[in-house]
């Protein structure tokens, strides 16, 4: 009876998935995606650590891992190899609160992707992963150093989202003159022009959605160790596939991104009781098989999932 139920589940969700999870666009408030001309900030709003910094509010329906950022600024600003500082804040009362992290990375590419007139994209692979919890607002910014300044372009009130996983804007971004938050800048600066690259954690096959196919891959790999972090069904990045990864999948189940059309995310309703029953049964069987077949070995300590 157990084998029959499991076979029904596997038949319903069977899919061949790639082993390596890939990063993709999670947030796209670029001039091209939103259809708005970027506002060129004046020298008073130069985006530099200790002089003027900016941050924008982000929130996602699933756990996400951010691995790179794009800044849109004047096409005369910045050079490949220049330093860029990422800052992440939690939210208190609708504004940036405590700074969660700040670290330095480097501009690796400057091109026209997503840009508009007189501005270009600075692509910055992050030297640290940024992990965000589902349905939790954060504020994130990317600033230059005083020795290598670049501006922060604004977008005049984003009424339509870039990717519909991203909400419409409000014509404002957080402003930190001399490194101190003073509130939200007005329409003369606009919404922050930027993009985020990364993964929906729970999307094992990199098809831009978290669904039953990803659960199937987790089930097949349950008990595996020595995996490259955040690849395959290792959603927690600890190099192993365990029930912790199942919890991350459940938290984001139904989240998806339509990159091809830059249209809305479709959030499928939470798993029904019958779906949960299938998952519970299949998980129980997989765990029993895993324990029965797993050879004895010493497990190395693993890094716990961040921000939990």
Protein backbone atom coordinates (compact mmCIF):
# COMPACT_ATOMS: atom_id res chain seq x y z
CA UNK A 1 0.00 0.00 0.00
CA UNK A 2 2.85 2.33 0.82
CA UNK A 3 4.65 1.47 -2.41
CA UNK A 4 1.44 2.05 -4.41
CA UNK A 5 0.84 5.49 -2.88
CA UNK A 6 4.45 6.46 -3.44
CA UNK A 7 4.31 5.33 -7.07
CA UNK A 8 1.22 7.49 -7.65
CA UNK A 9 3.06 10.48 -6.17
CA UNK A 10 6.19 9.90 -8.24
CA UNK A 11 4.20 9.37 -11.43
CA UNK A 12 2.31 12.64 -10.88
CA UNK A 13 5.44 14.71 -10.25
CA UNK A 14 8.08 12.78 -12.25
CA UNK A 15 10.49 15.07 -14.09
CA UNK A 16 14.15 14.94 -15.06
CA UNK A 17 15.97 17.82 -13.37
CA UNK A 18 19.47 19.26 -13.74
CA UNK A 19 21.74 18.69 -10.78
CA UNK A 20 23.17 22.18 -10.51
CA UNK A 21 21.01 25.05 -9.27
CA UNK A 22 21.63 28.25 -11.23
CA UNK A 23 21.18 31.90 -10.36
CA UNK A 24 18.72 34.11 -12.24
CA UNK A 25 17.05 37.50 -11.96
CA UNK A 26 15.06 37.78 -8.75
CA UNK A 27 14.38 41.52 -8.85
CA UNK A 28 14.39 43.79 -11.89
CA UNK A 29 13.85 47.49 -11.40
CA UNK A 30 15.96 48.43 -14.39
CA UNK A 31 15.05 51.28 -16.77
CA UNK A 32 14.34 48.78 -19.59
CA UNK A 33 12.21 46.36 -17.55
CA UNK A 34 10.04 49.07 -16.01
CA UNK A 35 9.85 51.26 -19.11
CA UNK A 36 10.92 54.39 -17.24
CA UNK A 37 13.72 56.77 -18.04
CA UNK A 38 16.22 56.91 -15.21
CA UNK A 39 16.59 60.13 -13.24
CA UNK A 40 20.18 61.31 -13.05
CA UNK A 41 20.90 62.30 -9.47
CA UNK A 42 22.89 65.48 -8.98
CA UNK A 43 26.34 65.53 -7.38
CA UNK A 44 24.57 66.13 -4.07
CA UNK A 45 23.25 62.60 -4.34
CA UNK A 46 26.47 60.86 -5.37
CA UNK A 47 26.25 57.31 -4.06
CA UNK A 48 29.32 57.01 -1.83
CA UNK A 49 30.00 55.38 1.52
CA UNK A 50 30.07 58.09 4.20
CA UNK A 51 28.69 60.79 1.88
CA UNK A 52 25.35 59.60 0.48
CA UNK A 53 24.07 56.06 0.50
CA UNK A 54 20.76 54.66 -0.70
CA UNK A 55 18.73 51.52 -0.08
CA UNK A 56 15.48 50.08 -1.42
CA UNK A 57 12.87 47.85 0.19
CA UNK A 58 12.69 44.23 -1.00
CA UNK A 59 10.57 41.26 0.04
CA UNK A 60 10.03 37.78 -1.44
CA UNK A 61 7.43 35.02 -0.97
CA UNK A 62 10.15 32.36 -0.51
CA UNK A 63 13.62 32.03 0.99
CA UNK A 64 16.05 33.60 -1.49
CA UNK A 65 19.80 33.67 -1.93
CA UNK A 66 21.24 36.83 -3.53
CA UNK A 67 24.58 36.33 -5.28
CA UNK A 68 24.97 39.50 -7.38
CA UNK A 69 23.63 43.05 -7.76
CA UNK A 70 23.33 45.53 -10.62
CA UNK A 71 23.67 49.26 -10.08
CA UNK A 72 22.44 51.70 -12.74
CA UNK A 73 24.38 54.98 -12.82
CA UNK A 74 25.88 57.53 -15.20
CA UNK A 75 27.72 55.92 -18.10
CA UNK A 76 30.77 58.02 -17.20
CA UNK A 77 30.92 56.61 -13.65
CA UNK A 78 32.96 53.70 -12.39
CA UNK A 79 35.37 51.20 -13.89
CA UNK A 80 35.70 47.44 -13.88
CA UNK A 81 37.66 46.49 -10.77
CA UNK A 82 36.31 49.36 -8.65
CA UNK A 83 35.08 48.42 -5.16
CA UNK A 84 31.35 48.37 -4.37
CA UNK A 85 29.83 48.07 -0.90
CA UNK A 86 26.65 46.08 -0.24
CA UNK A 87 24.57 46.97 2.83
CA UNK A 88 21.54 45.05 4.12
CA UNK A 89 19.12 46.32 6.79
CA UNK A 90 16.10 44.86 8.51
CA UNK A 91 12.93 46.95 8.65
CA UNK A 92 11.52 48.85 11.61
CA UNK A 93 8.39 50.97 11.23
CA UNK A 94 8.56 50.98 7.44
CA UNK A 95 12.16 52.22 7.37
CA UNK A 96 15.61 50.61 7.41
CA UNK A 97 16.43 49.47 10.95
CA UNK A 98 19.47 47.56 12.16
CA UNK A 99 22.20 46.94 9.60
CA UNK A 100 22.39 43.15 9.16
CA UNK A 101 25.59 43.10 7.12
CA UNK A 102 27.97 45.25 5.09
CA UNK A 103 30.77 43.95 2.89
CA UNK A 104 32.91 44.88 -0.10
CA UNK A 105 32.79 43.34 -3.57
CA UNK A 106 34.10 44.44 -6.98
CA UNK A 107 32.52 45.64 -10.22
CA UNK A 108 33.22 42.86 -12.72
CA UNK A 109 31.18 43.99 -15.76
CA UNK A 110 29.98 47.34 -17.13
CA UNK A 111 27.52 47.13 -20.03
CA UNK A 112 24.18 48.36 -21.38
CA UNK A 113 21.96 45.48 -20.20
CA UNK A 114 18.77 46.89 -18.70
CA UNK A 115 20.00 50.48 -18.97
CA UNK A 116 18.62 53.60 -20.61
CA UNK A 117 19.98 56.84 -22.06
CA UNK A 118 23.21 58.10 -20.49
CA UNK A 119 23.41 55.33 -17.90
CA UNK A 120 24.77 51.80 -17.79
CA UNK A 121 24.82 48.71 -15.62
CA UNK A 122 27.52 47.94 -13.06
CA UNK A 123 27.39 44.19 -12.37
CA UNK A 124 28.78 43.18 -8.97
CA UNK A 125 29.13 39.49 -7.97
CA UNK A 126 28.84 39.47 -4.19
CA UNK A 127 31.68 38.15 -2.06
CA UNK A 128 29.13 36.94 0.50
CA UNK A 129 25.76 35.26 0.03
CA UNK A 130 22.80 37.32 1.20
CA UNK A 131 19.98 35.08 2.48
CA UNK A 132 16.52 36.59 2.94
CA UNK A 133 13.60 35.03 4.79
CA UNK A 134 10.20 34.68 3.08
CA UNK A 135 7.57 37.42 3.49
CA UNK A 136 10.06 39.57 5.42
CA UNK A 137 10.94 43.13 4.32
CA UNK A 138 14.58 44.14 4.05
CA UNK A 139 16.39 47.18 2.68
CA UNK A 140 19.40 46.69 0.42
CA UNK A 141 21.83 49.08 -1.22
CA UNK A 142 25.01 49.11 -3.28
CA UNK A 143 27.37 52.07 -2.85
CA UNK A 144 30.75 53.17 -4.17
CA UNK A 145 33.75 54.30 -2.15
CA UNK A 146 34.92 57.89 -2.00
CA UNK A 147 37.96 57.08 -4.14
CA UNK A 148 35.87 55.46 -6.89
CA UNK A 149 32.42 57.12 -6.90
CA UNK A 150 29.40 56.16 -8.96
CA UNK A 151 25.91 57.65 -8.76
CA UNK A 152 22.59 55.98 -8.00
CA UNK A 153 20.00 56.39 -10.73
CA UNK A 154 16.37 56.72 -9.73
CA UNK A 155 13.14 55.75 -11.50
CA UNK A 156 10.19 58.17 -11.33
CA UNK A 157 7.57 56.18 -9.43
CA UNK A 158 7.40 52.57 -10.64
CA UNK A 159 3.69 51.93 -11.17
CA UNK A 160 4.38 48.60 -12.83
CA UNK A 161 6.81 46.03 -11.43
CA UNK A 162 9.78 44.75 -13.37
CA UNK A 163 9.10 41.15 -12.42
CA UNK A 164 5.69 40.78 -10.80
CA UNK A 165 7.36 39.04 -7.88
CA UNK A 166 8.52 42.63 -7.27
CA UNK A 167 5.86 45.09 -6.05
CA UNK A 168 5.23 48.49 -7.62
CA UNK A 169 7.35 51.30 -6.28
CA UNK A 170 6.44 54.43 -4.35
CA UNK A 171 8.81 56.98 -5.90
CA UNK A 172 11.16 56.91 -2.93
CA UNK A 173 14.30 55.21 -1.66
CA UNK A 174 16.00 55.34 1.74
CA UNK A 175 18.61 58.10 1.99
CA UNK A 176 21.67 58.02 4.26
CA UNK A 177 23.55 61.35 4.00
CA UNK A 178 26.86 61.10 5.86
CA UNK A 179 25.97 57.49 6.60
CA UNK A 180 22.94 58.40 8.78
CA UNK A 181 19.37 57.55 7.78
CA UNK A 182 17.21 60.66 7.42
CA UNK A 183 14.19 58.98 5.87
CA UNK A 184 12.92 58.44 2.33
CA UNK A 185 14.03 60.60 -0.56
CA UNK A 186 11.32 62.21 -2.62
CA UNK A 187 10.22 61.98 -6.23
CA UNK A 188 13.19 63.99 -7.49
CA UNK A 189 15.26 60.88 -6.80
CA UNK A 190 12.59 58.20 -7.28
CA UNK A 191 12.69 54.45 -6.79
CA UNK A 192 16.15 52.88 -6.82
CA UNK A 193 17.23 51.50 -10.21
CA UNK A 194 18.80 48.10 -9.49
CA UNK A 195 18.59 44.37 -10.07
CA UNK A 196 19.21 41.32 -7.88
CA UNK A 197 20.50 37.97 -9.11
CA UNK A 198 20.15 34.74 -7.16
CA UNK A 199 17.93 31.75 -6.45
CA UNK A 200 14.55 30.94 -5.04
CA UNK A 201 15.64 28.46 -2.37
CA UNK A 202 13.52 25.39 -2.95
CA UNK A 203 13.84 25.60 -6.75
CA UNK A 204 16.09 22.55 -7.22
CA UNK A 205 15.79 22.37 -11.01
CA UNK A 206 16.17 26.11 -11.75
CA UNK A 207 12.90 26.43 -13.65
CA UNK A 208 11.96 29.63 -11.77
CA UNK A 209 9.31 27.98 -9.62
CA UNK A 210 9.03 25.94 -6.42
CA UNK A 211 6.75 22.98 -7.04
CA UNK A 212 6.33 19.23 -6.72
CA UNK A 213 9.21 18.51 -9.09
CA UNK A 214 11.57 20.11 -6.60
CA UNK A 215 10.11 18.00 -3.79
CA UNK A 216 10.73 14.88 -5.91
CA UNK A 217 14.37 15.87 -6.35
CA UNK A 218 14.70 16.47 -2.60
CA UNK A 219 13.20 13.02 -1.97
CA UNK A 220 15.64 11.31 -4.34
CA UNK A 221 18.63 13.04 -2.73
CA UNK A 222 17.58 12.82 0.93
CA UNK A 223 20.59 11.77 3.01
CA UNK A 224 23.18 12.88 0.42
CA UNK A 225 26.28 14.68 1.71
CA UNK A 226 29.30 16.37 0.16
CA UNK A 227 27.13 18.44 -2.18
CA UNK A 228 28.19 21.89 -3.38
CA UNK A 229 26.26 24.38 -1.27
CA UNK A 230 22.92 25.54 -2.68
CA UNK A 231 23.04 23.06 -5.57
CA UNK A 232 20.65 20.18 -6.25
CA UNK A 233 18.22 19.85 -3.31
CA UNK A 234 20.59 21.42 -0.78
CA UNK A 235 18.45 24.52 -0.19
CA UNK A 236 20.14 25.38 3.13
CA UNK A 237 23.66 25.47 1.69
CA UNK A 238 25.13 23.11 4.29
CA UNK A 239 26.35 20.53 1.77
CA UNK A 240 23.75 17.89 2.68
CA UNK A 241 20.12 17.10 1.87
CA UNK A 242 17.97 16.75 4.98
CA UNK A 243 14.57 17.58 6.46
CA UNK A 244 15.83 21.14 6.95
CA UNK A 245 15.77 21.52 3.17
CA UNK A 246 12.20 20.19 3.09
CA UNK A 247 11.16 22.96 5.49
CA UNK A 248 12.65 25.56 3.14
CA UNK A 249 10.81 24.01 0.17
CA UNK A 250 7.51 24.06 2.09
CA UNK A 251 7.98 27.73 3.04
CA UNK A 252 8.24 28.76 -0.63
CA UNK A 253 5.96 26.21 -2.27
CA UNK A 254 4.10 27.85 -5.18
CA UNK A 255 6.45 30.82 -5.71
CA UNK A 256 7.51 31.38 -9.33
CA UNK A 257 8.99 34.02 -11.63
CA UNK A 258 8.02 34.57 -15.26
CA UNK A 259 11.27 35.89 -16.66
CA UNK A 260 10.38 35.54 -20.32
CA UNK A 261 7.58 38.10 -20.25
CA UNK A 262 8.64 40.04 -17.14
CA UNK A 263 5.13 39.44 -15.87
CA UNK A 264 3.67 38.53 -12.56
CA UNK A 265 4.65 35.86 -10.21
CA UNK A 266 1.96 33.25 -9.85
CA UNK A 267 1.61 32.19 -6.27
CA UNK A 268 -0.14 28.84 -6.20
CA UNK A 269 -2.26 28.36 -3.05
CA UNK A 270 -0.60 26.55 -0.17
CA UNK A 271 -0.50 22.75 -0.45
CA UNK A 272 -3.89 21.14 0.02
CA UNK A 273 -4.48 18.53 2.68
CA UNK A 274 -4.24 15.75 0.08
CA UNK A 275 -0.98 17.19 -1.22
CA UNK A 276 0.42 17.37 2.29
CA UNK A 277 -0.69 13.80 2.93
CA UNK A 278 1.20 12.62 -0.16
CA UNK A 279 4.28 14.57 0.92
CA UNK A 280 4.12 13.24 4.44
CA UNK A 281 3.76 9.65 3.27
CA UNK A 282 6.52 9.89 0.71
CA UNK A 283 8.82 11.63 3.20
CA UNK A 284 8.21 8.94 5.80
CA UNK A 285 8.99 6.16 3.35
CA UNK A 286 12.08 7.95 2.03
CA UNK A 287 13.40 8.58 5.55
CA UNK A 288 12.88 4.91 6.50
CA UNK A 289 14.70 3.76 3.39
CA UNK A 290 17.45 6.29 3.98
CA UNK A 291 18.03 5.07 7.54
CA UNK A 292 17.90 1.41 6.48
CA UNK A 293 20.36 1.79 3.61
CA UNK A 294 22.72 4.44 4.94
CA UNK A 295 26.16 3.05 5.88
CA UNK A 296 27.57 4.05 9.23
CA UNK A 297 29.89 7.07 8.99
CA UNK A 298 30.96 10.09 10.93
CA UNK A 299 29.10 13.24 9.89
CA UNK A 300 31.05 16.47 9.79
CA UNK A 301 29.54 19.49 11.54
CA UNK A 302 27.50 21.59 9.13
CA UNK A 303 26.83 25.29 9.05
CA UNK A 304 23.34 26.12 10.23
CA UNK A 305 20.99 27.95 7.88
CA UNK A 306 21.41 31.73 8.31
CA UNK A 307 18.84 34.07 9.87
CA UNK A 308 16.79 31.34 11.58
